[in-house]
C-alpha atoms as a PDB file:
ATOM      1  CA  MET A   1     -14.299   3.543  17.866  1.00  0.00           C
ATOM      2  CA  LYS A   2     -14.496   2.846  14.162  1.00  0.00           C
ATOM      3  CA  GLY A   3     -11.715   3.315  11.611  1.00  0.00           C
ATOM      4  CA  THR A   4     -11.739   6.381   9.376  1.00  0.00           C
ATOM      5  CA  ILE A   5     -10.718   7.354   5.840  1.00  0.00           C
ATOM      6  CA  GLU A   6      -9.424  10.832   5.038  1.00  0.00           C
ATOM      7  CA  ILE A   7      -7.837  12.549   2.048  1.00  0.00           C
ATOM      8  CA  GLN A   8      -5.074  15.117   2.579  1.00  0.00           C
ATOM      9  CA  GLN A   9      -3.480  17.283  -0.038  1.00  0.00           C
ATOM     10  CA  LYS A  10       0.204  16.850   0.764  1.00  0.00           C
ATOM     11  CA  GLY A  11       3.156  14.651  -0.052  1.00  0.00           C
ATOM     12  CA  ILE A  12       3.007  11.156   1.394  1.00  0.00           C
ATOM     13  CA  THR A  13       6.285  11.567   3.280  1.00  0.00           C
ATOM     14  CA  ASP A  14       4.766  14.569   5.101  1.00  0.00           C
ATOM     15  CA  LEU A  15       1.917  12.555   6.627  1.00  0.00           C
ATOM     16  CA  ASP A  16       2.005  12.033  10.386  1.00  0.00           C
ATOM     17  CA  VAL A  17       1.224   8.298  10.355  1.00  0.00           C
ATOM     18  CA  ASP A  18       2.660   5.060  11.748  1.00  0.00           C
ATOM     19  CA  ALA A  19       3.136   3.570   8.262  1.00  0.00           C
ATOM     20  CA  VAL A  20       3.336   4.982   4.750  1.00  0.00           C
ATOM     21  CA  VAL A  21       2.617   2.865   1.712  1.00  0.00           C
ATOM     22  CA  ASN A  22       5.068   2.873  -1.152  1.00  0.00           C
ATOM     23  CA  ALA A  23       3.610   2.247  -4.604  1.00  0.00           C
ATOM     24  CA  ALA A  24       6.336  -0.309  -5.250  1.00  0.00           C
ATOM     25  CA  ASN A  25       7.487  -2.357  -8.207  1.00  0.00           C
ATOM     26  CA  SER A  26       7.748  -6.121  -7.803  1.00  0.00           C
ATOM     27  CA  GLN A  27      11.568  -5.977  -7.620  1.00  0.00           C
ATOM     28  CA  LEU A  28      11.311  -3.479  -4.717  1.00  0.00           C
ATOM     29  CA  LEU A  29      13.760  -1.190  -6.500  1.00  0.00           C
ATOM     30  CA  GLU A  30      13.861   2.576  -6.149  1.00  0.00           C
ATOM     31  CA  GLY A  31      11.656   4.142  -8.804  1.00  0.00           C
ATOM     32  CA  GLY A  32      10.194   7.515  -9.641  1.00  0.00           C
ATOM     33  CA  GLY A  33       7.128   9.353  -8.371  1.00  0.00           C
ATOM     34  CA  VAL A  34       5.877   8.279  -4.939  1.00  0.00           C
ATOM     35  CA  CYS A  35       8.447   5.477  -4.779  1.00  0.00           C
ATOM     36  CA  GLY A  36      11.344   7.815  -5.501  1.00  0.00           C
ATOM     37  CA  ALA A  37      10.157  10.349  -2.930  1.00  0.00           C
ATOM     38  CA  ILE A  38       9.856   7.686  -0.233  1.00  0.00           C
ATOM     39  CA  PHE A  39      13.314   6.235  -0.962  1.00  0.00           C
ATOM     40  CA  SER A  40      14.848   9.715  -0.985  1.00  0.00           C
ATOM     41  CA  GLU A  41      13.252  10.828   2.283  1.00  0.00           C
ATOM     42  CA  ALA A  42      13.761   7.500   4.086  1.00  0.00           C
ATOM     43  CA  GLY A  43      17.393   7.174   3.070  1.00  0.00           C
ATOM     44  CA  SER A  44      17.992   5.463  -0.236  1.00  0.00           C
ATOM     45  CA  TYR A  45      20.945   3.329   0.865  1.00  0.00           C
ATOM     46  CA  GLU A  46      19.253   1.859   3.960  1.00  0.00           C
ATOM     47  CA  LEU A  47      15.916   1.303   2.244  1.00  0.00           C
ATOM     48  CA  THR A  48      17.525  -0.282  -0.825  1.00  0.00           C
ATOM     49  CA  LYS A  49      19.460  -2.635   1.457  1.00  0.00           C
ATOM     50  CA  ALA A  50      16.307  -3.612   3.393  1.00  0.00           C
ATOM     51  CA  CYS A  51      14.356  -4.186   0.183  1.00  0.00           C
ATOM     52  CA  SER A  52      17.129  -6.268  -1.384  1.00  0.00           C
ATOM     53  CA  GLU A  53      17.093  -8.516   1.695  1.00  0.00           C
ATOM     54  CA  ILE A  54      13.376  -9.153   1.088  1.00  0.00           C
ATOM     55  CA  GLY A  55      13.909  -9.757  -2.620  1.00  0.00           C
ATOM     56  CA  GLU A  56      10.700  -9.508  -4.602  1.00  0.00           C
ATOM     57  CA  CYS A  57       7.025  -8.902  -3.929  1.00  0.00           C
ATOM     58  CA  PRO A  58       4.344 -10.232  -6.285  1.00  0.00           C
ATOM     59  CA  THR A  59       1.695  -7.952  -7.760  1.00  0.00           C
ATOM     60  CA  GLY A  60      -1.244  -7.647  -5.373  1.00  0.00           C
ATOM     61  CA  SER A  61       0.949  -8.256  -2.311  1.00  0.00           C
ATOM     62  CA  ALA A  62       2.788  -6.104   0.208  1.00  0.00           C
ATOM     63  CA  VAL A  63       5.882  -6.302   2.432  1.00  0.00           C
ATOM     64  CA  ILE A  64       7.103  -4.095   5.271  1.00  0.00           C
ATOM     65  CA  THR A  65      10.392  -2.412   6.157  1.00  0.00           C
ATOM     66  CA  PRO A  66      11.421   0.105   8.806  1.00  0.00           C
ATOM     67  CA  GLY A  67      10.708   3.753   7.984  1.00  0.00           C
ATOM     68  CA  PHE A  68      14.348   4.757   8.515  1.00  0.00           C
ATOM     69  CA  ASP A  69      14.509   8.586   8.246  1.00  0.00           C
ATOM     70  CA  LEU A  70      10.776   9.080   7.671  1.00  0.00           C
ATOM     71  CA  LYS A  71       8.378  10.296  10.361  1.00  0.00           C
ATOM     72  CA  ALA A  72       6.584   6.976   9.852  1.00  0.00           C
ATOM     73  CA  LYS A  73       7.857   3.957  11.782  1.00  0.00           C
ATOM     74  CA  TYR A  74       7.217   1.631   8.808  1.00  0.00           C
ATOM     75  CA  ILE A  75       7.115   1.612   5.035  1.00  0.00           C
ATOM     76  CA  ILE A  76       4.702  -0.868   3.510  1.00  0.00           C
ATOM     77  CA  HIS A  77       5.646  -1.663  -0.077  1.00  0.00           C
ATOM     78  CA  ALA A  78       2.496  -2.537  -2.035  1.00  0.00           C
ATOM     79  CA  VAL A  79       2.711  -3.717  -5.625  1.00  0.00           C
ATOM     80  CA  GLY A  80      -0.264  -2.688  -7.713  1.00  0.00           C
ATOM     81  CA  PRO A  81      -0.971  -3.911 -11.225  1.00  0.00           C
ATOM     82  CA  ILE A  82       0.008  -2.276 -14.476  1.00  0.00           C
ATOM     83  CA  TRP A  83      -3.198  -1.284 -16.289  1.00  0.00           C
ATOM     84  CA  ARG A  84      -3.675  -3.463 -19.375  1.00  0.00           C
ATOM     85  CA  GLY A  85      -7.256  -2.525 -20.189  1.00  0.00           C
ATOM     86  CA  GLY A  86      -9.034  -4.162 -17.261  1.00  0.00           C
ATOM     87  CA  GLY A  87      -9.174  -7.741 -18.495  1.00  0.00           C
ATOM     88  CA  GLU A  88      -6.223  -9.159 -16.561  1.00  0.00           C
ATOM     89  CA  ASN A  89      -7.535  -9.112 -12.969  1.00  0.00           C
ATOM     90  CA  GLU A  90      -6.259  -5.569 -12.394  1.00  0.00           C
ATOM     91  CA  GLU A  91      -9.153  -4.698 -10.079  1.00  0.00           C
ATOM     92  CA  GLU A  92      -8.672  -7.780  -7.893  1.00  0.00           C
ATOM     93  CA  LEU A  93      -4.898  -7.272  -7.757  1.00  0.00           C
ATOM     94  CA  LEU A  94      -5.252  -3.602  -6.812  1.00  0.00           C
ATOM     95  CA  HIS A  95      -7.851  -4.391  -4.140  1.00  0.00           C
ATOM     96  CA  SER A  96      -5.493  -7.051  -2.770  1.00  0.00           C
ATOM     97  CA  ALA A  97      -2.541  -4.616  -2.624  1.00  0.00           C
ATOM     98  CA  TYR A  98      -4.584  -2.336  -0.333  1.00  0.00           C
ATOM     99  CA  THR A  99      -5.918  -5.227   1.748  1.00  0.00           C
ATOM    100  CA  GLN A 100      -2.468  -6.759   2.241  1.00  0.00           C
ATOM    101  CA  SER A 101      -1.084  -3.345   3.249  1.00  0.00           C
ATOM    102  CA  LEU A 102      -3.812  -2.897   5.849  1.00  0.00           C
ATOM    103  CA  LYS A 103      -3.242  -6.419   7.191  1.00  0.00           C
ATOM    104  CA  LEU A 104       0.467  -5.654   7.645  1.00  0.00           C
ATOM    105  CA  ALA A 105      -0.406  -2.400   9.413  1.00  0.00           C
ATOM    106  CA  LYS A 106      -2.683  -4.295  11.797  1.00  0.00           C
ATOM    107  CA  GLU A 107      -0.041  -6.990  12.432  1.00  0.00           C
ATOM    108  CA  HIS A 108       2.421  -4.234  13.403  1.00  0.00           C
ATOM    109  CA  ASP A 109      -0.059  -2.372  15.644  1.00  0.00           C
ATOM    110  CA  CYS A 110      -0.226   0.726  13.459  1.00  0.00           C
ATOM    111  CA  SER A 111      -2.992   3.141  14.403  1.00  0.00           C
ATOM    112  CA  SER A 112      -2.607   5.123  11.178  1.00  0.00           C
ATOM    113  CA  ILE A 113      -1.529   4.485   7.581  1.00  0.00           C
ATOM    114  CA  GLY A 114      -0.894   6.757   4.609  1.00  0.00           C
ATOM    115  CA  PHE A 115      -1.594   5.622   1.049  1.00  0.00           C
ATOM    116  CA  PRO A 116      -0.933   7.024  -2.389  1.00  0.00           C
ATOM    117  CA  VAL A 117      -3.474   6.138  -5.076  1.00  0.00           C
ATOM    118  CA  ILE A 118      -1.650   2.947  -6.067  1.00  0.00           C
ATOM    119  CA  SER A 119      -1.155   2.161  -9.786  1.00  0.00           C
ATOM    120  CA  SER A 120      -2.682   5.480 -10.919  1.00  0.00           C
ATOM    121  CA  GLY A 121       0.641   7.032 -11.954  1.00  0.00           C
ATOM    122  CA  ILE A 122       3.091   5.427 -14.378  1.00  0.00           C
ATOM    123  CA  TYR A 123       1.220   2.096 -14.110  1.00  0.00           C
ATOM    124  CA  GLY A 124      -1.629   3.779 -16.005  1.00  0.00           C
ATOM    125  CA  TYR A 125      -4.656   2.674 -13.956  1.00  0.00           C
ATOM    126  CA  PRO A 126      -7.478   5.155 -14.741  1.00  0.00           C
ATOM    127  CA  LYS A 127      -7.580   7.547 -11.774  1.00  0.00           C
ATOM    128  CA  ASP A 128     -11.324   7.391 -11.146  1.00  0.00           C
ATOM    129  CA  GLU A 129     -11.304   3.592 -11.197  1.00  0.00           C
ATOM    130  CA  ALA A 130      -8.155   3.452  -9.040  1.00  0.00           C
ATOM    131  CA  TRP A 131      -9.881   5.694  -6.485  1.00  0.00           C
ATOM    132  CA  ALA A 132     -12.990   3.491  -6.474  1.00  0.00           C
ATOM    133  CA  VAL A 133     -10.954   0.320  -5.872  1.00  0.00           C
ATOM    134  CA  ALA A 134      -8.850   2.036  -3.179  1.00  0.00           C
ATOM    135  CA  ILE A 135     -11.825   3.348  -1.218  1.00  0.00           C
ATOM    136  CA  ARG A 136     -13.776   0.098  -1.601  1.00  0.00           C
ATOM    137  CA  ALA A 137     -10.791  -1.974  -0.396  1.00  0.00           C
ATOM    138  CA  CYS A 138     -10.332   0.260   2.649  1.00  0.00           C
ATOM    139  CA  LEU A 139     -14.056   0.210   3.486  1.00  0.00           C
ATOM    140  CA  ASP A 140     -14.112  -3.584   3.097  1.00  0.00           C
ATOM    141  CA  PHE A 141     -11.165  -3.865   5.494  1.00  0.00           C
ATOM    142  CA  LEU A 142     -12.778  -1.527   8.038  1.00  0.00           C
ATOM    143  CA  ASN A 143     -16.042  -3.481   7.861  1.00  0.00           C
ATOM    144  CA  ASP A 144     -14.174  -6.786   8.296  1.00  0.00           C
ATOM    145  CA  ASN A 145     -12.156  -5.379  11.243  1.00  0.00           C
ATOM    146  CA  PRO A 146     -14.633  -3.305  13.295  1.00  0.00           C
ATOM    147  CA  ASP A 147     -12.483  -3.745  16.418  1.00  0.00           C
ATOM    148  CA  TYR A 148      -9.472  -2.103  14.749  1.00  0.00           C
ATOM    149  CA  PRO A 149      -9.830   1.712  14.729  1.00  0.00           C
ATOM    150  CA  ILE A 150      -7.172   2.557  12.148  1.00  0.00           C
ATOM    151  CA  ARG A 151      -6.961   6.019  10.616  1.00  0.00           C
ATOM    152  CA  ILE A 152      -6.481   5.684   6.848  1.00  0.00           C
ATOM    153  CA  LEU A 153      -5.157   8.722   5.001  1.00  0.00           C
ATOM    154  CA  PHE A 154      -4.678   9.200   1.286  1.00  0.00           C
ATOM    155  CA  ALA A 155      -1.995  11.679   0.251  1.00  0.00           C
ATOM    156  CA  VAL A 156      -2.596  13.531  -3.012  1.00  0.00           C
ATOM    157  CA  ILE A 157      -0.808  16.463  -4.588  1.00  0.00           C
ATOM    158  CA  SER A 158      -3.399  17.973  -6.929  1.00  0.00           C
ATOM    159  CA  ASP A 159      -6.772  19.599  -6.347  1.00  0.00           C
ATOM    160  CA  SER A 160      -8.323  17.389  -9.029  1.00  0.00           C
ATOM    161  CA  SER A 161      -7.119  14.160  -7.414  1.00  0.00           C
ATOM    162  CA  ARG A 162      -8.333  15.299  -3.987  1.00  0.00           C
ATOM    163  CA  GLU A 163     -11.738  16.276  -5.391  1.00  0.00           C
ATOM    164  CA  MET A 164     -12.027  12.967  -7.275  1.00  0.00           C
ATOM    165  CA  GLY A 165     -11.163  11.001  -4.133  1.00  0.00           C
ATOM    166  CA  GLU A 166     -13.601  12.988  -1.982  1.00  0.00           C
ATOM    167  CA  SER A 167     -16.355  12.390  -4.530  1.00  0.00           C
ATOM    168  CA  VAL A 168     -15.717   8.615  -4.610  1.00  0.00           C
ATOM    169  CA  LEU A 169     -15.521   8.473  -0.801  1.00  0.00           C
ATOM    170  CA  GLU A 170     -18.832  10.326  -0.477  1.00  0.00           C
ATOM    171  CA  LYS A 171     -20.546   7.928  -2.911  1.00  0.00           C
ATOM    172  CA  LEU A 172     -19.171   4.701  -1.388  1.00  0.00           C
ATOM    173  CA  ASP A 173     -19.137   5.542   2.330  1.00  0.00           C
ATOM    174  CA  LEU A 174     -22.894   5.310   2.843  1.00  0.00           C
END
């Protein structure tokens, strides 16, 4: 069986997956948006403690913690780049954040993973380009790991983000 990519219109903490991905900052501190929702639902105190024990995570990398009070067994904290116009390796760093997250999921025997569209919020990455990098990174991982049938879900809140993601997925998943 081959891995799959799906887009669901719901909050990331509501996904029924083995691991959810937090759009983290490099200090692994509680933030706003997706990060704030994950910390709140998981249990801010426990998750903050686990993240402080790890320390930092460089841009383009990912680390893993328990899911604490989430449905998900794990939280993978992926640090995407801040958009600076596209000339500072943002695409490569964003692709790497997805790839490193998927590698951690595989190392921890996760059969499913839930992603936000990393860096497309307060980090300012243009949404259409962020979607393209996200889908391409996931397809690259699935092609490189044909023996690993992981179910990849993207959680989005708005109709427009879902439609944009579905359009990119249709174009790239030939």
